[in-house]
Structure formats: C-alpha cells, structure tokens
N, C-alpha and C. Protein backbone atom coordinates (compact mmCIF):
# COMPACT_ATOMS: atom_id res chain seq x y z
N MET A 1 91.84 79.79 -21.30
CA MET A 1 90.54 80.30 -21.64
C MET A 1 90.44 81.74 -21.17
N SER A 2 89.89 82.58 -21.98
CA SER A 2 89.76 83.99 -21.67
C SER A 2 88.76 84.20 -20.53
N PRO A 3 89.04 85.11 -19.60
CA PRO A 3 88.09 85.36 -18.52
C PRO A 3 86.79 86.00 -19.02
N ARG A 4 86.81 86.57 -20.23
CA ARG A 4 85.60 87.17 -20.79
C ARG A 4 84.65 86.12 -21.35
N TRP A 5 85.13 84.91 -21.50
CA TRP A 5 84.36 83.86 -22.16
C TRP A 5 83.56 83.08 -21.12
N ASN A 6 82.26 83.25 -21.12
CA ASN A 6 81.39 82.55 -20.17
C ASN A 6 80.96 81.22 -20.77
N PRO A 7 81.33 80.12 -20.14
CA PRO A 7 80.93 78.83 -20.68
C PRO A 7 79.41 78.63 -20.56
N GLU A 8 78.82 78.07 -21.62
CA GLU A 8 77.40 77.78 -21.64
C GLU A 8 77.21 76.27 -21.72
N PRO A 9 76.28 75.71 -20.94
CA PRO A 9 76.09 74.26 -20.97
C PRO A 9 75.52 73.77 -22.30
N GLU A 10 74.86 74.63 -23.07
CA GLU A 10 74.28 74.24 -24.36
C GLU A 10 75.33 74.10 -25.45
N VAL A 11 76.51 74.65 -25.21
CA VAL A 11 77.56 74.67 -26.23
C VAL A 11 78.64 73.65 -25.88
N ARG A 12 78.90 72.75 -26.82
CA ARG A 12 79.97 71.76 -26.65
C ARG A 12 81.25 72.33 -27.25
N ARG A 13 82.35 72.08 -26.58
CA ARG A 13 83.63 72.57 -27.05
C ARG A 13 84.60 71.40 -27.19
N GLY A 14 85.25 71.36 -28.32
CA GLY A 14 86.29 70.38 -28.56
C GLY A 14 87.57 71.13 -28.88
N ARG A 15 88.55 70.39 -29.33
CA ARG A 15 89.83 71.02 -29.65
C ARG A 15 89.72 71.97 -30.83
N HIS A 16 88.92 71.58 -31.83
CA HIS A 16 88.81 72.40 -33.03
C HIS A 16 87.37 72.75 -33.37
N VAL A 17 86.46 72.60 -32.41
CA VAL A 17 85.05 72.85 -32.74
C VAL A 17 84.30 73.39 -31.53
N VAL A 18 83.39 74.29 -31.83
CA VAL A 18 82.43 74.78 -30.85
C VAL A 18 81.08 74.60 -31.50
N CYS A 19 80.17 73.85 -30.86
CA CYS A 19 78.90 73.56 -31.51
C CYS A 19 77.78 73.38 -30.49
N SER A 20 76.58 73.49 -31.01
CA SER A 20 75.39 73.22 -30.22
C SER A 20 74.41 72.50 -31.15
N LEU A 21 74.44 71.17 -31.14
CA LEU A 21 73.62 70.37 -32.04
C LEU A 21 72.56 69.63 -31.24
N HIS A 22 71.31 69.89 -31.57
CA HIS A 22 70.18 69.22 -30.94
C HIS A 22 69.32 68.62 -32.04
N ALA A 23 68.72 67.48 -31.75
CA ALA A 23 67.81 66.86 -32.71
C ALA A 23 66.58 66.34 -31.98
N HIS A 24 65.46 66.49 -32.63
CA HIS A 24 64.19 65.94 -32.15
C HIS A 24 63.97 64.66 -32.94
N LEU A 25 63.89 63.52 -32.25
CA LEU A 25 63.71 62.22 -32.90
C LEU A 25 62.36 61.64 -32.51
N VAL A 26 61.69 61.04 -33.48
CA VAL A 26 60.42 60.37 -33.21
C VAL A 26 60.48 58.98 -33.83
N PHE A 27 60.22 57.95 -33.01
CA PHE A 27 60.17 56.57 -33.47
C PHE A 27 58.74 56.06 -33.29
N VAL A 28 58.23 55.39 -34.30
CA VAL A 28 56.86 54.88 -34.29
C VAL A 28 56.92 53.36 -34.27
N THR A 29 56.01 52.74 -33.52
CA THR A 29 55.97 51.28 -33.50
C THR A 29 55.52 50.76 -34.86
N LYS A 30 55.90 49.54 -35.17
CA LYS A 30 55.53 48.92 -36.44
C LYS A 30 54.01 48.91 -36.58
N TYR A 31 53.53 49.26 -37.75
CA TYR A 31 52.10 49.34 -38.07
C TYR A 31 51.35 50.32 -37.16
N ARG A 32 52.10 51.16 -36.45
CA ARG A 32 51.55 52.14 -35.51
C ARG A 32 50.64 51.47 -34.47
N ARG A 33 50.98 50.24 -34.12
CA ARG A 33 50.24 49.51 -33.10
C ARG A 33 50.53 50.10 -31.73
N GLY A 34 49.53 50.18 -30.89
CA GLY A 34 49.67 50.75 -29.55
C GLY A 34 50.25 49.76 -28.56
N ALA A 35 51.48 49.37 -28.77
CA ALA A 35 52.11 48.32 -27.97
C ALA A 35 52.77 48.83 -26.70
N LEU A 36 52.99 50.12 -26.58
CA LEU A 36 53.75 50.65 -25.45
C LEU A 36 52.86 50.93 -24.24
N THR A 37 53.35 50.53 -23.08
CA THR A 37 52.70 50.84 -21.81
C THR A 37 53.60 51.81 -21.06
N ASP A 38 53.10 52.36 -19.96
CA ASP A 38 53.92 53.27 -19.16
C ASP A 38 55.17 52.58 -18.65
N GLU A 39 55.03 51.36 -18.17
CA GLU A 39 56.17 50.59 -17.68
C GLU A 39 57.20 50.37 -18.79
N MET A 40 56.72 50.08 -20.00
CA MET A 40 57.63 49.88 -21.13
C MET A 40 58.33 51.18 -21.51
N LEU A 41 57.62 52.31 -21.41
CA LEU A 41 58.25 53.60 -21.72
C LEU A 41 59.35 53.94 -20.73
N ILE A 42 59.13 53.61 -19.47
CA ILE A 42 60.16 53.85 -18.45
C ILE A 42 61.39 53.01 -18.76
N ARG A 43 61.20 51.75 -19.10
CA ARG A 43 62.32 50.87 -19.44
C ARG A 43 62.99 51.32 -20.74
N CYS A 44 62.19 51.73 -21.70
CA CYS A 44 62.73 52.21 -22.98
C CYS A 44 63.62 53.43 -22.76
N GLU A 45 63.20 54.33 -21.88
CA GLU A 45 64.02 55.51 -21.59
C GLU A 45 65.35 55.10 -20.96
N GLU A 46 65.32 54.14 -20.03
CA GLU A 46 66.56 53.66 -19.41
C GLU A 46 67.52 53.09 -20.45
N VAL A 47 66.98 52.27 -21.34
CA VAL A 47 67.80 51.65 -22.38
C VAL A 47 68.38 52.72 -23.31
N MET A 48 67.54 53.66 -23.72
CA MET A 48 68.00 54.70 -24.64
C MET A 48 69.00 55.64 -23.99
N ARG A 49 68.86 55.89 -22.70
CA ARG A 49 69.87 56.71 -21.99
C ARG A 49 71.22 55.99 -21.99
N GLY A 50 71.20 54.67 -21.84
CA GLY A 50 72.44 53.90 -21.88
C GLY A 50 73.10 53.95 -23.25
N VAL A 51 72.30 53.82 -24.30
CA VAL A 51 72.84 53.90 -25.67
C VAL A 51 73.41 55.30 -25.91
N CYS A 52 72.70 56.33 -25.48
CA CYS A 52 73.18 57.69 -25.67
C CYS A 52 74.50 57.91 -24.94
N ALA A 53 74.62 57.37 -23.74
CA ALA A 53 75.88 57.50 -22.98
C ALA A 53 77.03 56.86 -23.74
N ASP A 54 76.78 55.71 -24.38
CA ASP A 54 77.82 55.05 -25.17
C ASP A 54 78.28 55.92 -26.34
N PHE A 55 77.38 56.73 -26.89
CA PHE A 55 77.70 57.60 -28.02
C PHE A 55 78.16 59.00 -27.57
N GLU A 56 78.25 59.22 -26.25
CA GLU A 56 78.56 60.53 -25.69
C GLU A 56 77.51 61.57 -26.09
N VAL A 57 76.26 61.14 -26.08
CA VAL A 57 75.12 61.97 -26.43
C VAL A 57 74.30 62.18 -25.17
N GLU A 58 73.76 63.38 -25.00
CA GLU A 58 72.89 63.67 -23.86
C GLU A 58 71.44 63.53 -24.29
N LEU A 59 70.71 62.65 -23.64
CA LEU A 59 69.27 62.52 -23.88
C LEU A 59 68.60 63.55 -22.98
N ARG A 60 68.21 64.67 -23.56
CA ARG A 60 67.66 65.79 -22.79
C ARG A 60 66.23 65.55 -22.35
N GLU A 61 65.42 64.97 -23.22
CA GLU A 61 64.00 64.78 -22.93
C GLU A 61 63.55 63.48 -23.57
N PHE A 62 62.65 62.78 -22.90
CA PHE A 62 62.09 61.54 -23.44
C PHE A 62 60.65 61.43 -22.97
N ASN A 63 59.76 61.06 -23.89
CA ASN A 63 58.38 60.79 -23.54
C ASN A 63 57.74 60.07 -24.71
N GLY A 64 56.54 59.59 -24.50
CA GLY A 64 55.88 58.90 -25.59
C GLY A 64 54.43 58.59 -25.29
N GLU A 65 53.80 57.94 -26.23
CA GLU A 65 52.41 57.51 -26.10
C GLU A 65 52.35 56.03 -26.46
N HIS A 66 51.15 55.50 -26.68
CA HIS A 66 50.98 54.08 -26.96
C HIS A 66 51.73 53.60 -28.20
N ASP A 67 51.91 54.48 -29.19
CA ASP A 67 52.44 54.03 -30.47
C ASP A 67 53.69 54.77 -30.96
N HIS A 68 54.24 55.66 -30.15
CA HIS A 68 55.46 56.36 -30.57
C HIS A 68 56.18 56.97 -29.37
N VAL A 69 57.46 57.33 -29.60
CA VAL A 69 58.27 58.00 -28.58
C VAL A 69 58.93 59.24 -29.20
N HIS A 70 59.15 60.24 -28.35
CA HIS A 70 59.86 61.46 -28.72
C HIS A 70 61.14 61.53 -27.91
N LEU A 71 62.23 61.95 -28.56
CA LEU A 71 63.49 62.16 -27.87
C LEU A 71 64.05 63.51 -28.29
N LEU A 72 64.68 64.18 -27.36
CA LEU A 72 65.44 65.38 -27.67
C LEU A 72 66.87 65.08 -27.26
N VAL A 73 67.78 65.06 -28.23
CA VAL A 73 69.17 64.71 -27.96
C VAL A 73 70.09 65.88 -28.27
N HIS A 74 71.15 65.98 -27.47
CA HIS A 74 72.21 66.97 -27.65
C HIS A 74 73.46 66.16 -27.97
N TYR A 75 73.96 66.30 -29.20
CA TYR A 75 75.01 65.39 -29.65
C TYR A 75 76.21 66.14 -30.21
N PRO A 76 77.40 65.50 -30.16
CA PRO A 76 78.60 66.12 -30.71
C PRO A 76 78.66 65.90 -32.23
N PRO A 77 79.45 66.69 -32.94
CA PRO A 77 79.53 66.57 -34.40
C PRO A 77 80.12 65.24 -34.88
N LYS A 78 80.84 64.53 -34.03
CA LYS A 78 81.42 63.25 -34.47
C LYS A 78 80.38 62.14 -34.56
N VAL A 79 79.18 62.36 -34.01
CA VAL A 79 78.13 61.34 -34.02
C VAL A 79 77.31 61.46 -35.30
N THR A 80 77.19 60.36 -36.01
CA THR A 80 76.33 60.30 -37.18
C THR A 80 74.93 59.98 -36.68
N LEU A 81 73.99 60.88 -36.98
CA LEU A 81 72.65 60.75 -36.44
C LEU A 81 71.99 59.43 -36.86
N SER A 82 72.22 59.00 -38.09
CA SER A 82 71.60 57.75 -38.55
C SER A 82 72.14 56.54 -37.78
N LYS A 83 73.42 56.54 -37.42
CA LYS A 83 73.98 55.44 -36.63
C LYS A 83 73.44 55.47 -35.20
N LEU A 84 73.28 56.66 -34.65
CA LEU A 84 72.69 56.78 -33.33
C LEU A 84 71.26 56.25 -33.33
N VAL A 85 70.48 56.63 -34.34
CA VAL A 85 69.09 56.17 -34.44
C VAL A 85 69.03 54.65 -34.57
N ASN A 86 69.87 54.09 -35.44
CA ASN A 86 69.89 52.63 -35.61
C ASN A 86 70.20 51.91 -34.31
N SER A 87 71.14 52.43 -33.54
CA SER A 87 71.47 51.81 -32.25
C SER A 87 70.34 51.98 -31.25
N LEU A 88 69.76 53.18 -31.18
CA LEU A 88 68.65 53.41 -30.26
C LEU A 88 67.49 52.47 -30.55
N LYS A 89 67.11 52.36 -31.82
CA LYS A 89 65.98 51.52 -32.19
C LYS A 89 66.31 50.03 -32.03
N GLY A 90 67.51 49.64 -32.44
CA GLY A 90 67.89 48.23 -32.38
C GLY A 90 67.99 47.70 -30.96
N VAL A 91 68.71 48.42 -30.11
CA VAL A 91 68.91 47.97 -28.73
C VAL A 91 67.59 48.01 -27.97
N SER A 92 66.83 49.09 -28.11
CA SER A 92 65.57 49.19 -27.38
C SER A 92 64.58 48.12 -27.84
N ALA A 93 64.51 47.85 -29.14
CA ALA A 93 63.60 46.82 -29.65
C ALA A 93 63.98 45.45 -29.09
N ARG A 94 65.26 45.15 -29.11
CA ARG A 94 65.73 43.86 -28.60
C ARG A 94 65.38 43.69 -27.12
N MET A 95 65.63 44.73 -26.33
CA MET A 95 65.37 44.66 -24.88
C MET A 95 63.88 44.59 -24.58
N LEU A 96 63.08 45.42 -25.25
CA LEU A 96 61.64 45.44 -24.98
C LEU A 96 60.98 44.13 -25.41
N ARG A 97 61.39 43.59 -26.55
CA ARG A 97 60.81 42.31 -27.00
C ARG A 97 61.21 41.17 -26.05
N LYS A 98 62.42 41.25 -25.51
CA LYS A 98 62.90 40.21 -24.59
C LYS A 98 62.18 40.30 -23.24
N GLU A 99 62.06 41.51 -22.69
CA GLU A 99 61.54 41.69 -21.34
C GLU A 99 60.00 41.69 -21.28
N TYR A 100 59.35 42.04 -22.38
CA TYR A 100 57.88 42.12 -22.40
C TYR A 100 57.33 41.28 -23.56
N SER A 101 57.89 40.10 -23.72
CA SER A 101 57.59 39.29 -24.90
C SER A 101 56.11 38.94 -25.03
N THR A 102 55.45 38.54 -23.96
CA THR A 102 54.03 38.16 -24.08
C THR A 102 53.16 39.34 -24.44
N HIS A 103 53.44 40.48 -23.86
CA HIS A 103 52.66 41.68 -24.19
C HIS A 103 52.91 42.13 -25.63
N VAL A 104 54.18 42.16 -26.02
CA VAL A 104 54.54 42.64 -27.36
C VAL A 104 53.96 41.72 -28.44
N ARG A 105 53.98 40.41 -28.20
CA ARG A 105 53.47 39.46 -29.20
C ARG A 105 51.99 39.64 -29.52
N THR A 106 51.22 40.22 -28.59
CA THR A 106 49.80 40.45 -28.87
C THR A 106 49.59 41.61 -29.84
N TYR A 107 50.60 42.50 -29.95
CA TYR A 107 50.49 43.67 -30.83
C TYR A 107 51.35 43.56 -32.08
N LEU A 108 52.52 42.97 -31.95
CA LEU A 108 53.50 42.96 -33.04
C LEU A 108 53.96 41.54 -33.33
N TRP A 109 54.32 41.28 -34.56
CA TRP A 109 54.76 39.95 -34.98
C TRP A 109 55.93 40.08 -35.94
N GLY A 110 56.55 38.97 -36.27
CA GLY A 110 57.62 38.95 -37.26
C GLY A 110 58.95 39.50 -36.78
N GLY A 111 59.14 39.63 -35.47
CA GLY A 111 60.43 40.10 -34.97
C GLY A 111 60.64 41.60 -35.08
N HIS A 112 59.61 42.35 -35.43
CA HIS A 112 59.74 43.80 -35.56
C HIS A 112 59.17 44.50 -34.33
N PHE A 113 59.71 45.65 -34.02
CA PHE A 113 59.14 46.47 -32.96
C PHE A 113 58.89 47.88 -33.49
N TRP A 114 59.95 48.53 -33.97
CA TRP A 114 59.83 49.89 -34.50
C TRP A 114 59.60 49.85 -36.00
N SER A 115 58.92 50.84 -36.51
CA SER A 115 58.79 51.03 -37.95
C SER A 115 60.18 51.28 -38.52
N GLY A 116 60.38 50.98 -39.77
CA GLY A 116 61.68 51.19 -40.39
C GLY A 116 62.04 52.66 -40.56
N SER A 117 61.05 53.53 -40.53
CA SER A 117 61.29 54.96 -40.72
C SER A 117 61.34 55.68 -39.37
N TYR A 118 61.79 56.92 -39.40
CA TYR A 118 61.83 57.74 -38.20
C TYR A 118 61.82 59.20 -38.61
N PHE A 119 61.54 60.09 -37.66
CA PHE A 119 61.61 61.52 -37.90
C PHE A 119 62.82 62.06 -37.16
N ALA A 120 63.60 62.89 -37.82
CA ALA A 120 64.72 63.58 -37.19
C ALA A 120 64.66 65.04 -37.63
N GLY A 121 64.51 65.93 -36.68
CA GLY A 121 64.47 67.36 -36.98
C GLY A 121 65.53 68.09 -36.20
N SER A 122 66.23 68.99 -36.88
CA SER A 122 67.22 69.80 -36.17
C SER A 122 66.48 70.87 -35.39
N VAL A 123 67.05 71.23 -34.26
CA VAL A 123 66.39 72.16 -33.35
C VAL A 123 67.29 73.34 -33.11
N GLY A 124 66.76 74.53 -33.31
CA GLY A 124 67.51 75.75 -33.05
C GLY A 124 67.45 76.11 -31.58
N GLY A 125 68.25 77.07 -31.17
CA GLY A 125 68.32 77.45 -29.76
C GLY A 125 67.04 78.02 -29.18
N GLY A 126 66.31 78.82 -29.93
CA GLY A 126 65.13 79.49 -29.40
C GLY A 126 63.98 78.56 -29.11
N SER A 127 63.83 77.50 -29.88
CA SER A 127 62.67 76.64 -29.72
C SER A 127 62.92 75.45 -28.81
N LEU A 128 64.07 75.36 -28.18
CA LEU A 128 64.36 74.23 -27.30
C LEU A 128 63.39 74.15 -26.14
N THR A 129 63.06 75.26 -25.53
CA THR A 129 62.13 75.23 -24.40
C THR A 129 60.74 74.83 -24.85
N VAL A 130 60.33 75.30 -26.02
CA VAL A 130 59.02 74.92 -26.56
C VAL A 130 58.99 73.42 -26.84
N LEU A 131 60.06 72.90 -27.41
CA LEU A 131 60.13 71.47 -27.71
C LEU A 131 60.18 70.65 -26.42
N ASP A 132 60.91 71.12 -25.42
CA ASP A 132 60.93 70.45 -24.12
C ASP A 132 59.51 70.31 -23.57
N GLN A 133 58.76 71.40 -23.61
CA GLN A 133 57.38 71.38 -23.10
C GLN A 133 56.50 70.44 -23.91
N TYR A 134 56.66 70.44 -25.23
CA TYR A 134 55.86 69.58 -26.10
C TYR A 134 56.08 68.11 -25.75
N ILE A 135 57.34 67.72 -25.58
CA ILE A 135 57.66 66.33 -25.27
C ILE A 135 57.17 65.97 -23.88
N GLU A 136 57.31 66.88 -22.91
CA GLU A 136 56.82 66.62 -21.55
C GLU A 136 55.31 66.41 -21.52
N GLN A 137 54.57 67.05 -22.41
CA GLN A 137 53.12 67.01 -22.37
C GLN A 137 52.52 65.86 -23.16
N GLN A 138 53.34 64.92 -23.62
CA GLN A 138 52.79 63.74 -24.30
C GLN A 138 51.92 62.97 -23.31
N LYS A 139 50.86 62.37 -23.81
CA LYS A 139 49.92 61.64 -22.96
C LYS A 139 50.41 60.20 -22.78
N ARG A 140 51.07 59.96 -21.67
CA ARG A 140 51.59 58.61 -21.38
C ARG A 140 50.46 57.65 -21.17
N PRO A 141 50.59 56.42 -21.64
CA PRO A 141 49.55 55.42 -21.37
C PRO A 141 49.51 55.05 -19.90
N MET A 142 48.36 54.71 -19.42
CA MET A 142 48.19 54.33 -18.00
C MET A 142 48.31 52.86 -17.81
C-alpha cells in the first residue's frame, strides 16, 4: 500500500474493489399497528445486529417508533440488499413474535409482523451525518 494513501473507515477495500455503500432501510409493522415497545426495539436491534454480522454488514444506526424502524447499514458489494432485508425482517419477526407473543398478539394476527414492503434508499457521503441525526432523533416508545 502506498504511504500516500490514507485509509478511511467509510471506504471498504477488497481485492478488486473499493467502495462505500450505505443504505437507509425502513421497515413498517403490518397494518402500521403500534406493536413495538422500547424493550422490543432494544431486542430487535440486537437481533438485527446479529443478522448484519452474518452478512458482513455494519449496522451503523438503529432506532424506531411504535410502528416502524430505521436502519443505516454499510454493506459490501457482494451483499444483495433484498436478501439482507428479507433476512433482517424474517429473523427479527420470528424472534419478536416468539419472545413477546402475548403482547404482539394484541396488535398483530395471522403470523405476520412486518409489512411486506420496505423502504431502501442509497445514501451519499455528505448526508450520512444528517441521516445519523435523523435516525437518532426518532421518538422511542416509553
């Protein structure tokens, strides 16, 4: 490596690629029901961090409200975003329904937790700090 080349933590380097890929993901509960509590959001973040680690993805920011969650992920080019989303939603839904079954059943039915749709937006370098602040300022349920 050249001594003139300053490594940046935002830039991933592979054998044949140099990239900086970030995505803002938003998942909404089924029927936009306010099923999430603060305790559930803490557990959801733990589960999603584990899924991201399996995909070699960095979960930079996580927060949410009663009916949705926001994630900021830094991922390598080998990761297909749709597969990552499917795993994040599937594993978290399974764990949350299992661990908080009585609470979830009062809001959601039919074996569903997340809505079938999601938002995924690519994030450029300049707006990362703005997006970090936006996600941090979500109003967590008490």
